[in-house]
């Protein structure tokens, strides 16, 4: 489960969907049934896997995150007569480029953070079931393939913007797409990448933005619920959670390293085809 989580969180095929479907396909019915419970040892276990995934992402992007934090320090140090207003004026020629990217990442993380707090539990109880996950996985495939089709319709000479030029409004729109990933079967990285492509980023830049955008969301969501692991829900699964989190961390690092190279020249089409076929087969299986 740790390896599956680390890979499918970053591959645009939905970790939550696979976290529902894999136990169902393997006959682990106690895990399947526990996913829609209000309190569950398996959910605590999955939280640990998400933290491991986030750590793997941080390790891979460690130089980028250090640069972003240095940009924040530089910007804060440069606040003079304009006061805090200089932190918001992204069009200023004196704006540090790393701080600007950090700012738009923060803006893009707000919508899914709010939606997660308000809706995550309700959506999990309603839709974290094999048939629903299979339907949403099929829909995820349609989203990926449709995104690529729309991108091709622009023509070969479409102009792409650089990641550093993305506006807060665009970041807000791209970040809002992550809300769809609250439905088991919809991929966070997949819908974020499609939104990035529609917003003018190329495959490589949209992948990097998706992975950077996902890191604080995954980490904070995991840390928010991690204290439950120290309570009664964690009894009997703490060692398993640690092993799974370490596996997820390694898998996430390997996955993001592979994908950042993949998207320099290739597209979402193979992942869309996989989701559509696997989702439809699972619909037949669980209908």
Protein backbone atom coordinates (compact mmCIF):
# COMPACT_ATOMS: atom_id res chain seq x y z
CA UNK A 1 0.00 0.00 0.00
CA UNK A 2 2.89 2.35 0.69
CA UNK A 3 4.41 1.75 -2.73
CA UNK A 4 1.02 2.15 -4.42
CA UNK A 5 0.36 5.40 -2.54
CA UNK A 6 3.74 6.91 -3.37
CA UNK A 7 3.43 6.10 -7.06
CA UNK A 8 -0.24 6.84 -7.68
CA UNK A 9 -0.23 10.12 -5.75
CA UNK A 10 2.11 11.57 -8.37
CA UNK A 11 1.21 9.54 -11.43
CA UNK A 12 -2.06 11.12 -12.64
CA UNK A 13 -4.10 8.00 -11.81
CA UNK A 14 -5.50 8.82 -8.31
CA UNK A 15 -3.95 7.45 -5.14
CA UNK A 16 -7.25 7.63 -3.27
CA UNK A 17 -9.00 5.70 -6.03
CA UNK A 18 -6.34 2.99 -5.95
CA UNK A 19 -6.45 3.03 -2.16
CA UNK A 20 -10.13 2.07 -2.41
CA UNK A 21 -9.98 -0.28 -5.39
CA UNK A 22 -6.85 -2.28 -4.57
CA UNK A 23 -8.09 -3.59 -1.18
CA UNK A 24 -11.47 -4.39 -2.77
CA UNK A 25 -9.86 -6.33 -5.62
CA UNK A 26 -7.64 -8.24 -3.18
CA UNK A 27 -10.55 -9.10 -0.91
CA UNK A 28 -9.36 -7.01 2.05
CA UNK A 29 -12.95 -6.30 3.03
CA UNK A 30 -12.13 -4.98 6.51
CA UNK A 31 -10.10 -2.20 4.88
CA UNK A 32 -12.75 -1.48 2.27
CA UNK A 33 -15.51 -1.17 4.86
CA UNK A 34 -13.41 0.96 7.20
CA UNK A 35 -12.82 3.68 4.61
CA UNK A 36 -16.34 5.04 4.94
CA UNK A 37 -16.33 4.92 8.74
CA UNK A 38 -16.08 8.05 10.83
CA UNK A 39 -13.17 6.60 12.80
CA UNK A 40 -10.90 4.00 11.22
CA UNK A 41 -7.44 2.56 11.81
CA UNK A 42 -7.00 2.29 8.03
CA UNK A 43 -7.57 6.02 7.54
CA UNK A 44 -4.91 6.73 10.14
CA UNK A 45 -2.60 4.39 8.22
CA UNK A 46 -3.33 6.25 4.97
CA UNK A 47 -2.55 9.56 6.66
CA UNK A 48 0.90 8.23 7.50
CA UNK A 49 1.40 7.20 3.87
CA UNK A 50 0.51 10.72 2.72
CA UNK A 51 3.09 12.22 5.06
CA UNK A 52 5.69 9.83 3.65
CA UNK A 53 4.72 10.88 0.12
CA UNK A 54 5.09 14.55 1.01
CA UNK A 55 8.54 13.93 2.48
CA UNK A 56 9.59 12.21 -0.75
CA UNK A 57 8.43 15.26 -2.72
CA UNK A 58 10.26 17.63 -0.40
CA UNK A 59 13.48 15.63 -0.76
CA UNK A 60 13.26 15.74 -4.56
CA UNK A 61 12.41 19.45 -4.70
CA UNK A 62 14.61 20.38 -1.75
CA UNK A 63 16.70 22.87 -3.75
CA UNK A 64 13.58 24.52 -5.11
CA UNK A 65 11.96 24.83 -1.68
CA UNK A 66 15.17 26.21 -0.17
CA UNK A 67 15.29 28.79 -2.97
CA UNK A 68 11.65 29.70 -2.34
CA UNK A 69 12.30 30.15 1.37
CA UNK A 70 15.38 32.25 0.64
CA UNK A 71 13.19 34.35 -1.63
CA UNK A 72 10.76 34.87 1.23
CA UNK A 73 13.62 35.94 3.48
CA UNK A 74 14.94 38.29 0.80
CA UNK A 75 11.53 39.85 0.28
CA UNK A 76 10.90 40.27 4.00
CA UNK A 77 14.35 41.79 4.44
CA UNK A 78 13.67 44.23 1.63
CA UNK A 79 10.48 45.60 3.17
CA UNK A 80 11.16 49.27 3.78
CA UNK A 81 8.97 52.30 3.31
CA UNK A 82 6.24 50.38 1.48
CA UNK A 83 5.79 48.13 4.50
CA UNK A 84 3.70 45.00 4.05
CA UNK A 85 2.30 46.35 0.76
CA UNK A 86 5.50 45.27 -1.00
CA UNK A 87 4.65 41.67 -0.17
CA UNK A 88 1.52 41.88 -2.33
CA UNK A 89 2.72 43.91 -5.31
CA UNK A 90 3.73 41.08 -7.63
CA UNK A 91 4.13 43.47 -10.56
CA UNK A 92 6.93 45.31 -8.80
CA UNK A 93 10.31 45.07 -10.63
CA UNK A 94 11.94 44.61 -7.22
CA UNK A 95 9.89 41.49 -6.47
CA UNK A 96 12.10 38.46 -5.82
CA UNK A 97 11.27 35.76 -8.39
CA UNK A 98 11.39 32.93 -5.85
CA UNK A 99 9.15 34.82 -3.47
CA UNK A 100 6.70 35.45 -6.29
CA UNK A 101 6.47 31.72 -7.05
CA UNK A 102 6.07 30.93 -3.36
CA UNK A 103 3.26 33.48 -3.16
CA UNK A 104 1.31 32.02 -6.09
CA UNK A 105 1.79 28.50 -4.68
CA UNK A 106 0.29 29.70 -1.40
CA UNK A 107 -2.63 31.28 -3.25
CA UNK A 108 -3.21 28.11 -5.24
CA UNK A 109 -3.29 25.99 -2.08
CA UNK A 110 -6.08 27.95 -0.36
CA UNK A 111 -9.17 26.58 -2.16
CA UNK A 112 -8.41 22.88 -1.64
CA UNK A 113 -7.38 23.56 1.94
CA UNK A 114 -10.75 25.10 2.75
CA UNK A 115 -12.67 22.48 0.77
CA UNK A 116 -10.74 19.68 2.44
CA UNK A 117 -11.63 20.87 5.92
CA UNK A 118 -15.31 21.34 5.03
CA UNK A 119 -15.97 18.46 2.65
CA UNK A 120 -13.34 15.71 2.91
CA UNK A 121 -15.15 13.65 5.55
CA UNK A 122 -18.55 13.92 3.86
CA UNK A 123 -17.22 13.03 0.42
CA UNK A 124 -15.21 10.12 1.79
CA UNK A 125 -18.23 8.64 3.55
CA UNK A 126 -20.34 8.98 0.40
CA UNK A 127 -17.88 8.04 -2.34
CA UNK A 128 -14.95 6.04 -0.90
CA UNK A 129 -16.54 2.85 -2.18
CA UNK A 130 -15.29 0.54 -4.96
CA UNK A 131 -18.02 1.22 -7.53
CA UNK A 132 -17.94 4.99 -7.02
CA UNK A 133 -14.12 5.00 -7.15
CA UNK A 134 -14.21 2.98 -10.39
CA UNK A 135 -16.64 5.46 -11.99
CA UNK A 136 -14.53 8.45 -10.95
CA UNK A 137 -11.35 6.72 -12.15
CA UNK A 138 -12.98 6.34 -15.58
CA UNK A 139 -13.96 10.01 -15.44
CA UNK A 140 -10.37 10.88 -14.56
CA UNK A 141 -9.27 9.16 -17.75
CA UNK A 142 -11.78 11.20 -19.75
CA UNK A 143 -10.48 14.42 -18.17
CA UNK A 144 -6.86 13.61 -19.05
CA UNK A 145 -7.66 12.61 -22.63
CA UNK A 146 -9.97 15.58 -23.15
CA UNK A 147 -7.31 17.93 -21.83
CA UNK A 148 -4.78 16.59 -24.31
CA UNK A 149 -7.33 16.83 -27.13
CA UNK A 150 -8.06 20.47 -26.33
CA UNK A 151 -4.35 21.20 -26.14
CA UNK A 152 -3.75 19.69 -29.59
CA UNK A 153 -6.58 21.80 -31.00
CA UNK A 154 -4.49 24.90 -30.24
CA UNK A 155 -1.95 23.81 -32.83
CA UNK A 156 1.76 23.15 -32.70
CA UNK A 157 2.68 26.80 -32.49
CA UNK A 158 0.80 27.60 -29.30
CA UNK A 159 2.74 29.92 -27.01
CA UNK A 160 3.42 28.75 -23.47
CA UNK A 161 4.18 30.85 -20.44
CA UNK A 162 6.90 30.09 -17.93
CA UNK A 163 6.10 28.96 -14.43
CA UNK A 164 7.56 32.14 -12.97
CA UNK A 165 5.09 34.26 -14.96
CA UNK A 166 1.92 32.59 -13.66
CA UNK A 167 -0.52 35.07 -12.13
CA UNK A 168 -2.21 34.67 -8.74
CA UNK A 169 -5.58 34.40 -10.51
CA UNK A 170 -4.31 31.57 -12.70
CA UNK A 171 -2.77 29.87 -9.66
CA UNK A 172 -6.11 30.17 -7.87
CA UNK A 173 -7.92 28.56 -10.81
CA UNK A 174 -5.37 25.77 -11.17
CA UNK A 175 -5.27 25.17 -7.43
CA UNK A 176 -9.06 25.03 -7.25
CA UNK A 177 -9.04 22.03 -9.58
CA UNK A 178 -7.44 20.01 -6.76
CA UNK A 179 -10.84 20.01 -5.04
CA UNK A 180 -11.94 17.37 -7.55
CA UNK A 181 -9.34 15.03 -6.05
CA UNK A 182 -11.48 14.79 -2.90
CA UNK A 183 -13.53 12.31 -4.96
CA UNK A 184 -11.86 8.88 -4.83
CA UNK A 185 -10.73 8.16 -8.39
CA UNK A 186 -9.93 11.72 -9.49
CA UNK A 187 -6.19 12.39 -9.56
CA UNK A 188 -4.85 15.50 -7.86
CA UNK A 189 -1.80 15.72 -10.10
CA UNK A 190 -3.87 14.85 -13.18
CA UNK A 191 -6.53 17.55 -12.86
CA UNK A 192 -3.91 20.08 -11.77
CA UNK A 193 -1.80 19.33 -14.82
CA UNK A 194 -4.80 19.61 -17.16
CA UNK A 195 -5.71 22.94 -15.55
CA UNK A 196 -2.11 24.08 -15.97
CA UNK A 197 -2.13 23.09 -19.65
CA UNK A 198 -5.36 24.99 -20.18
CA UNK A 199 -3.81 27.94 -18.35
CA UNK A 200 -0.90 28.18 -20.79
CA UNK A 201 1.79 26.03 -19.18
CA UNK A 202 3.52 23.26 -21.13
CA UNK A 203 3.64 19.67 -19.88
CA UNK A 204 6.92 20.05 -18.02
CA UNK A 205 5.97 23.29 -16.29
CA UNK A 206 2.45 22.11 -15.44
CA UNK A 207 3.88 18.91 -13.91
CA UNK A 208 6.36 20.84 -11.78
CA UNK A 209 3.67 23.27 -10.67
CA UNK A 210 1.32 20.39 -9.84
CA UNK A 211 3.94 18.63 -7.73
CA UNK A 212 5.02 21.79 -5.93
CA UNK A 213 1.39 22.74 -5.34
CA UNK A 214 0.56 19.29 -3.98
CA UNK A 215 3.43 19.14 -1.48
CA UNK A 216 2.15 21.52 1.22
CA UNK A 217 -1.44 20.29 0.76
CA UNK A 218 -0.49 16.63 1.24
CA UNK A 219 1.91 17.39 4.09
CA UNK A 220 -0.37 19.70 6.07
CA UNK A 221 -3.39 17.43 5.59
CA UNK A 222 -1.34 14.52 6.86
CA UNK A 223 0.13 16.38 9.82
CA UNK A 224 -3.34 17.70 10.72
CA UNK A 225 -4.62 14.15 11.25
CA UNK A 226 -1.37 12.49 12.29
CA UNK A 227 -2.03 12.95 16.04
CA UNK A 228 -4.76 10.33 15.66
CA UNK A 229 -1.98 7.82 15.09
CA UNK A 230 -0.84 8.42 18.65
CA UNK A 231 -4.34 7.75 19.99
CA UNK A 232 -6.39 4.59 20.22
CA UNK A 233 -6.88 4.41 16.44
CA UNK A 234 -3.16 3.88 16.06
CA UNK A 235 -3.02 0.88 18.34
CA UNK A 236 -1.64 -2.06 16.43
CA UNK A 237 -0.81 -0.17 13.23
CA UNK A 238 1.97 2.23 14.19
CA UNK A 239 4.82 0.04 12.96
CA UNK A 240 2.90 -0.79 9.79
CA UNK A 241 2.30 2.91 9.23
CA UNK A 242 5.99 3.69 9.64
CA UNK A 243 7.01 0.97 7.17
CA UNK A 244 4.30 2.06 4.72
CA UNK A 245 5.30 5.74 5.03
CA UNK A 246 8.95 4.93 4.31
CA UNK A 247 7.91 2.92 1.25
CA UNK A 248 5.66 5.76 0.12
CA UNK A 249 8.50 8.24 0.55
CA UNK A 250 10.88 6.20 -1.63
CA UNK A 251 8.18 5.47 -4.22
CA UNK A 252 7.19 9.15 -4.41
CA UNK A 253 10.81 10.21 -4.94
CA UNK A 254 11.28 7.67 -7.73
CA UNK A 255 7.91 8.54 -9.28
CA UNK A 256 8.49 12.30 -9.37
CA UNK A 257 12.00 11.81 -10.74
CA UNK A 258 10.57 9.67 -13.55
CA UNK A 259 7.63 11.97 -14.29
CA UNK A 260 9.63 15.19 -14.46
CA UNK A 261 11.68 13.56 -17.23
CA UNK A 262 8.62 11.99 -18.89
CA UNK A 263 6.78 15.27 -19.26
CA UNK A 264 9.69 17.02 -20.94
CA UNK A 265 8.66 15.26 -24.15
CA UNK A 266 5.56 13.13 -23.53
CA UNK A 267 1.93 13.59 -22.59
CA UNK A 268 -0.91 12.50 -20.32
CA UNK A 269 -2.44 10.20 -22.95
CA UNK A 270 -1.08 6.85 -21.63
CA UNK A 271 -2.29 7.68 -18.12
CA UNK A 272 -5.69 8.74 -19.42
CA UNK A 273 -6.04 5.50 -21.38
CA UNK A 274 -5.04 3.45 -18.33
CA UNK A 275 -7.58 5.20 -16.08
CA UNK A 276 -10.37 4.80 -18.61
CA UNK A 277 -9.73 1.09 -19.21
CA UNK A 278 -8.99 0.18 -15.59
CA UNK A 279 -11.94 2.23 -14.37
CA UNK A 280 -14.40 0.62 -16.76
CA UNK A 281 -13.15 -2.88 -15.92
CA UNK A 282 -13.61 -2.11 -12.22
CA UNK A 283 -17.10 -0.74 -12.90
CA UNK A 284 -17.98 -4.10 -14.47
CA UNK A 285 -16.36 -5.92 -11.54
CA UNK A 286 -18.17 -4.02 -8.79
CA UNK A 287 -21.47 -3.15 -10.46
